[in-house]
Amino acid sequence: KPDSGSVRLGTNLEIATLDQKREAVDPAETLAQYLTDGRGENLVINGEQRHVVSYMKDFLFKPEQARTPVRELSGGERARLLLARVLARPANLLVLDEPTNDLDMETLELLQELVAGFAGTVILVSHDRDFLDRTVTSLIAPDGGGRWIEYAGGYSDMLAQRGGTRLDDRKARPKAETSEMAAAGRTEAAAPKGPAKKLSFKQKFALESLPKKIEAVNASISRLENNIADPAYYERDPASFQQTIAALDKERATLAALEEEWLELEMLREEMEG
């Protein structure tokens, strides 16, 4: 509650929060149970019904982890699960209190993408200045005299507007005032500043996983081709033969798409790495 003044909430406001303490999780619950509150296998995300396994993939979990108990997760996986839970809630305002605490690099990169892609407004409190520079479109910070001032852009932009003076360079500053609060605007304005210098976490994950997917599709194509190579197959079961031909065409199309995706990502990686 504020010490003084008032708080006015907009109409139709739906708030989702992630605080520093993080919410308690039953270690015996499976990932699917935790995300759905034990209510079946579907979620409603942005007004659309999605299967929990499909939603988990957005946070880089494997399908087989849906039945994994929470206690078996690593620290980074647990952080991703909490983010998935928060973002599964219907909300147009997301409030994050020190969201980068205890995150590994992979989860931090994913968090940056999720903040940038959030369809509503994000308010976050953070001491991570690099994270602020990469995600926010405006920043609110103390001036040392009891006032909080809003600046356009991220932390580096604020320093430029202040003439390069850092918050922690000012003397006689109460420690409680050294935290910066940033508000990231709508999705279209919340993209990280400047050109990306490396692949995003999702892009790296795709680049690493695509060869296995391509190998699996190639194996499927080989099996289907062996089936139709049998000269007696068509005479024995014409309907099954036609189904095999259709399945083969579909697998070949899938292979072409996967190979194209891999090539684009590999070219992008080479371009970024010089």
Protein backbone atom coordinates (compact mmCIF):
# COMPACT_ATOMS: atom_id res chain seq x y z
CA LYS A 1 0.00 0.00 0.00
CA PRO A 2 1.25 3.54 -0.70
CA ASP A 3 2.31 5.77 2.22
CA SER A 4 0.20 8.53 0.75
CA GLY A 5 -1.71 9.46 -2.38
CA SER A 6 -3.95 7.12 -4.29
CA VAL A 7 -3.84 4.35 -6.84
CA ARG A 8 -6.24 4.33 -9.77
CA LEU A 9 -6.72 1.09 -11.65
CA GLY A 10 -7.86 1.00 -15.25
CA THR A 11 -10.96 -0.80 -16.37
CA ASN A 12 -10.72 -4.45 -17.43
CA LEU A 13 -7.29 -4.66 -15.79
CA GLU A 14 -5.94 -8.20 -15.37
CA ILE A 15 -2.65 -8.46 -13.47
CA ALA A 16 -0.14 -11.31 -13.29
CA THR A 17 2.83 -11.03 -10.94
CA LEU A 18 6.17 -12.72 -10.28
CA ASP A 19 7.80 -11.56 -7.05
CA GLN A 20 11.27 -12.15 -5.62
CA LYS A 21 10.11 -14.90 -3.27
CA ARG A 22 8.55 -16.88 -6.14
CA GLU A 23 5.46 -18.91 -5.37
CA ALA A 24 5.66 -22.21 -3.51
CA VAL A 25 5.51 -25.31 -5.67
CA ASP A 26 4.54 -28.81 -4.56
CA PRO A 27 7.64 -30.85 -5.48
CA ALA A 28 5.50 -33.95 -6.04
CA GLU A 29 3.34 -32.28 -8.68
CA THR A 30 4.13 -32.96 -12.31
CA LEU A 31 4.80 -30.08 -14.68
CA ALA A 32 1.45 -30.64 -16.40
CA GLN A 33 -0.43 -30.65 -13.09
CA TYR A 34 1.28 -27.46 -11.95
CA LEU A 35 0.55 -25.57 -15.16
CA THR A 36 -3.08 -26.68 -15.38
CA ASP A 37 -3.87 -26.71 -11.64
CA GLY A 38 -4.68 -30.37 -12.13
CA ARG A 39 -7.64 -29.53 -14.39
CA GLY A 40 -7.07 -31.73 -17.39
CA GLU A 41 -4.50 -31.28 -20.13
CA ASN A 42 -5.52 -28.00 -21.76
CA LEU A 43 -4.85 -24.32 -21.09
CA VAL A 44 -6.37 -21.15 -22.48
CA ILE A 45 -3.54 -18.92 -23.67
CA ASN A 46 -4.41 -15.53 -25.18
CA GLY A 47 -7.97 -16.71 -25.73
CA GLU A 48 -6.94 -19.91 -27.50
CA GLN A 49 -7.09 -23.42 -26.08
CA ARG A 50 -3.74 -25.21 -26.15
CA HIS A 51 -2.57 -28.60 -24.96
CA VAL A 52 -0.21 -28.33 -22.01
CA VAL A 53 2.57 -30.19 -23.86
CA SER A 54 2.40 -27.71 -26.73
CA TYR A 55 2.56 -24.80 -24.30
CA MET A 56 5.52 -26.35 -22.47
CA LYS A 57 7.48 -26.43 -25.72
CA ASP A 58 7.34 -22.62 -25.78
CA PHE A 59 9.46 -22.75 -22.63
CA LEU A 60 11.83 -25.37 -24.06
CA PHE A 61 10.52 -28.35 -22.12
CA LYS A 62 10.41 -31.73 -23.82
CA PRO A 63 7.03 -33.53 -24.21
CA GLU A 64 8.12 -36.35 -21.92
CA GLN A 65 8.73 -33.85 -19.10
CA ALA A 66 4.97 -33.25 -18.77
CA ARG A 67 4.82 -36.17 -16.30
CA THR A 68 8.07 -35.25 -14.54
CA PRO A 69 7.78 -34.23 -10.85
CA VAL A 70 8.85 -30.66 -10.13
CA ARG A 71 11.50 -31.92 -7.68
CA GLU A 72 13.50 -33.36 -10.59
CA LEU A 73 13.94 -30.01 -12.34
CA SER A 74 17.18 -28.07 -12.42
CA GLY A 75 17.26 -24.50 -11.16
CA GLY A 76 16.96 -23.08 -14.67
CA GLU A 77 14.09 -25.41 -15.55
CA ARG A 78 12.27 -24.48 -12.36
CA ALA A 79 12.61 -20.78 -13.23
CA ARG A 80 11.21 -21.46 -16.71
CA LEU A 81 8.30 -23.36 -15.18
CA LEU A 82 7.41 -20.41 -12.92
CA LEU A 83 7.51 -18.08 -15.92
CA ALA A 84 5.27 -20.45 -17.85
CA ARG A 85 2.80 -20.48 -14.97
CA VAL A 86 2.70 -16.68 -14.69
CA LEU A 87 2.30 -16.16 -18.44
CA ALA A 88 -0.45 -18.78 -18.62
CA ARG A 89 -2.69 -16.53 -16.55
CA PRO A 90 -5.02 -14.17 -18.40
CA ALA A 91 -3.38 -10.77 -18.01
CA ASN A 92 -2.80 -7.47 -19.78
CA LEU A 93 -0.42 -6.19 -17.09
CA LEU A 94 2.62 -8.21 -16.06
CA VAL A 95 4.50 -7.16 -12.91
CA LEU A 96 7.97 -8.65 -12.39
CA ASP A 97 9.99 -8.00 -9.22
CA GLU A 98 13.72 -8.70 -9.78
CA PRO A 99 12.90 -11.35 -12.41
CA THR A 100 16.56 -12.03 -13.30
CA ASN A 101 17.52 -13.21 -9.79
CA ASP A 102 19.13 -16.67 -9.83
CA LEU A 103 18.51 -17.23 -13.55
CA ASP A 104 20.98 -19.08 -15.73
CA MET A 105 21.99 -17.50 -19.03
CA GLU A 106 19.58 -19.61 -21.10
CA THR A 107 16.56 -18.72 -18.97
CA LEU A 108 17.62 -15.07 -18.92
CA GLU A 109 17.64 -14.97 -22.72
CA LEU A 110 14.23 -16.64 -22.82
CA LEU A 111 12.88 -14.11 -20.30
CA GLN A 112 14.05 -11.24 -22.52
CA GLU A 113 12.13 -12.71 -25.46
CA LEU A 114 9.01 -13.29 -23.37
CA VAL A 115 9.00 -9.71 -22.07
CA ALA A 116 9.47 -8.34 -25.58
CA GLY A 117 6.68 -10.55 -26.90
CA PHE A 118 4.13 -9.90 -24.15
CA ALA A 119 0.94 -8.52 -25.66
CA GLY A 120 0.19 -6.13 -22.79
CA THR A 121 2.21 -3.83 -20.55
CA VAL A 122 5.14 -5.01 -18.43
CA ILE A 123 6.29 -3.28 -15.25
CA LEU A 124 9.50 -4.66 -13.83
CA VAL A 125 11.83 -3.76 -10.97
CA SER A 126 15.44 -4.71 -11.55
CA HIS A 127 19.07 -3.95 -10.67
CA ASP A 128 20.17 -5.73 -13.87
CA ARG A 129 21.07 -2.77 -16.06
CA ASP A 130 21.90 -4.85 -19.13
CA PHE A 131 18.50 -6.53 -18.89
CA LEU A 132 16.81 -3.12 -18.66
CA ASP A 133 18.69 -1.89 -21.73
CA ARG A 134 17.56 -4.94 -23.71
CA THR A 135 13.89 -4.94 -22.76
CA VAL A 136 12.32 -1.67 -21.61
CA THR A 137 11.05 1.39 -23.45
CA SER A 138 10.88 3.71 -20.44
CA LEU A 139 12.46 3.79 -17.00
CA ILE A 140 11.49 5.38 -13.70
CA ALA A 141 14.36 6.13 -11.29
CA PRO A 142 14.96 8.25 -8.15
CA ASP A 143 16.74 11.58 -8.46
CA GLY A 144 18.11 11.54 -4.93
CA GLY A 145 15.78 14.24 -3.69
CA GLY A 146 12.77 12.09 -3.02
CA ARG A 147 11.38 12.35 -6.54
CA TRP A 148 11.04 9.64 -9.18
CA ILE A 149 11.49 10.70 -12.80
CA GLU A 150 10.52 8.87 -15.97
CA TYR A 151 13.07 8.60 -18.78
CA ALA A 152 12.56 7.35 -22.32
CA GLY A 153 14.54 4.21 -23.16
CA GLY A 154 16.60 1.92 -20.95
CA TYR A 155 19.31 2.42 -18.33
CA SER A 156 21.96 3.68 -20.76
CA ASP A 157 19.45 6.14 -22.22
CA MET A 158 18.70 7.40 -18.72
CA LEU A 159 22.42 7.99 -18.06
CA ALA A 160 22.70 9.97 -21.27
CA GLN A 161 19.72 12.13 -20.31
CA ARG A 162 21.22 12.68 -16.87
CA GLY A 163 24.55 13.71 -18.34
CA GLY A 164 26.22 10.38 -17.60
CA THR A 165 25.71 10.42 -13.83
CA ARG A 166 25.13 6.92 -12.47
CA LEU A 167 22.61 6.32 -9.76
CA ASP A 168 25.21 4.78 -7.45
CA ASP A 169 27.69 7.64 -8.06
CA ARG A 170 25.55 10.06 -6.10
CA LYS A 171 26.53 10.44 -2.46
CA ALA A 172 24.21 10.43 0.53
CA ARG A 173 21.85 8.15 -1.33
CA PRO A 174 19.74 5.83 0.82
CA LYS A 175 20.35 2.26 -0.28
CA ALA A 176 16.65 1.65 -0.67
CA GLU A 177 16.55 4.17 -3.52
CA THR A 178 19.11 2.44 -5.73
CA SER A 179 16.62 0.16 -7.45
CA GLU A 180 15.39 1.12 -10.88
CA MET A 181 11.80 0.50 -11.90
CA ALA A 182 11.12 0.14 -15.58
CA ALA A 183 7.94 0.00 -17.59
CA ALA A 184 8.09 -1.88 -20.86
CA GLY A 185 5.33 -0.72 -23.22
CA ARG A 186 3.30 -2.56 -25.79
CA THR A 187 4.72 -5.42 -27.77
CA GLU A 188 5.62 -3.37 -30.81
CA ALA A 189 7.70 -0.98 -28.74
CA ALA A 190 9.35 -3.50 -26.44
CA ALA A 191 11.85 -5.11 -28.78
CA PRO A 192 15.51 -5.08 -27.68
CA LYS A 193 17.45 -2.05 -28.91
CA GLY A 194 19.88 -2.33 -31.79
CA PRO A 195 20.64 -5.32 -33.99
CA ALA A 196 20.95 -8.70 -32.32
CA LYS A 197 24.56 -9.84 -31.94
CA LYS A 198 23.81 -13.50 -31.41
CA LEU A 199 21.07 -16.04 -31.90
CA SER A 200 18.21 -15.95 -29.45
CA PHE A 201 17.84 -18.86 -27.07
CA LYS A 202 14.97 -20.31 -29.10
CA GLN A 203 17.01 -20.00 -32.30
CA LYS A 204 20.01 -21.76 -30.73
CA PHE A 205 17.74 -24.47 -29.35
CA ALA A 206 16.21 -24.98 -32.81
CA LEU A 207 19.62 -25.06 -34.51
CA GLU A 208 20.81 -27.73 -32.09
CA SER A 209 17.67 -29.87 -32.25
CA LEU A 210 16.93 -29.67 -35.99
CA PRO A 211 19.62 -32.22 -37.07
CA LYS A 212 17.96 -34.91 -34.91
CA LYS A 213 14.55 -34.05 -36.33
CA ILE A 214 15.94 -34.21 -39.87
CA GLU A 215 17.56 -37.57 -39.12
CA ALA A 216 14.27 -38.95 -37.81
CA VAL A 217 12.31 -37.77 -40.87
CA ASN A 218 14.96 -39.23 -43.19
CA ALA A 219 14.61 -42.57 -41.41
CA SER A 220 10.83 -42.41 -41.83
CA ILE A 221 11.20 -41.63 -45.54
CA SER A 222 13.52 -44.60 -45.99
CA ARG A 223 11.00 -46.94 -44.35
CA LEU A 224 8.17 -45.67 -46.52
CA GLU A 225 10.27 -45.94 -49.68
CA ASN A 226 11.17 -49.52 -48.80
CA ASN A 227 7.48 -50.32 -48.38
CA ILE A 228 6.44 -49.02 -51.79
CA ALA A 229 9.45 -50.68 -53.43
CA ASP A 230 7.70 -54.03 -52.94
CA PRO A 231 6.19 -54.77 -56.40
CA ALA A 232 3.38 -56.81 -54.85
CA TYR A 233 2.37 -54.09 -52.36
CA TYR A 234 -0.09 -52.28 -54.67
CA GLU A 235 -1.80 -55.47 -55.83
CA ARG A 236 -2.03 -56.77 -52.28
CA ASP A 237 -3.54 -53.61 -50.72
CA PRO A 238 -4.18 -50.65 -53.10
CA ALA A 239 -5.71 -48.45 -50.39
CA SER A 240 -2.77 -48.93 -48.03
CA PHE A 241 -0.36 -48.29 -50.91
CA GLN A 242 -2.01 -44.93 -51.64
CA GLN A 243 -1.88 -44.02 -47.95
CA THR A 244 1.82 -44.81 -47.91
CA ILE A 245 2.39 -42.63 -50.98
CA ALA A 246 0.53 -39.74 -49.27
CA ALA A 247 2.54 -40.23 -46.07
CA LEU A 248 5.77 -40.24 -48.08
CA ASP A 249 4.86 -36.97 -49.81
CA LYS A 250 4.08 -35.41 -46.44
CA GLU A 251 7.37 -36.55 -44.92
CA ARG A 252 9.32 -35.22 -47.90
CA ALA A 253 7.63 -31.84 -47.50
CA THR A 254 8.45 -31.87 -43.78
CA LEU A 255 12.07 -32.69 -44.56
CA ALA A 256 12.33 -29.83 -47.02
CA ALA A 257 10.91 -27.39 -44.47
CA LEU A 258 13.26 -28.58 -41.72
CA GLU A 259 16.30 -28.39 -43.96
CA GLU A 260 15.35 -24.89 -45.07
CA GLU A 261 14.88 -23.79 -41.44
CA TRP A 262 18.25 -25.26 -40.46
CA LEU A 263 20.00 -23.59 -43.40
CA GLU A 264 18.50 -20.19 -42.57
CA LEU A 265 19.53 -20.46 -38.92
CA GLU A 266 23.04 -21.67 -39.81
CA MET A 267 23.52 -18.78 -42.26
CA LEU A 268 22.26 -16.35 -39.61
CA ARG A 269 24.67 -17.80 -37.05
CA GLU A 270 27.61 -17.48 -39.42
CA GLU A 271 26.63 -13.91 -40.26
CA MET A 272 26.40 -12.92 -36.57
CA GLU A 273 29.68 -14.61 -35.66
CA GLY A 274 31.42 -12.96 -38.55
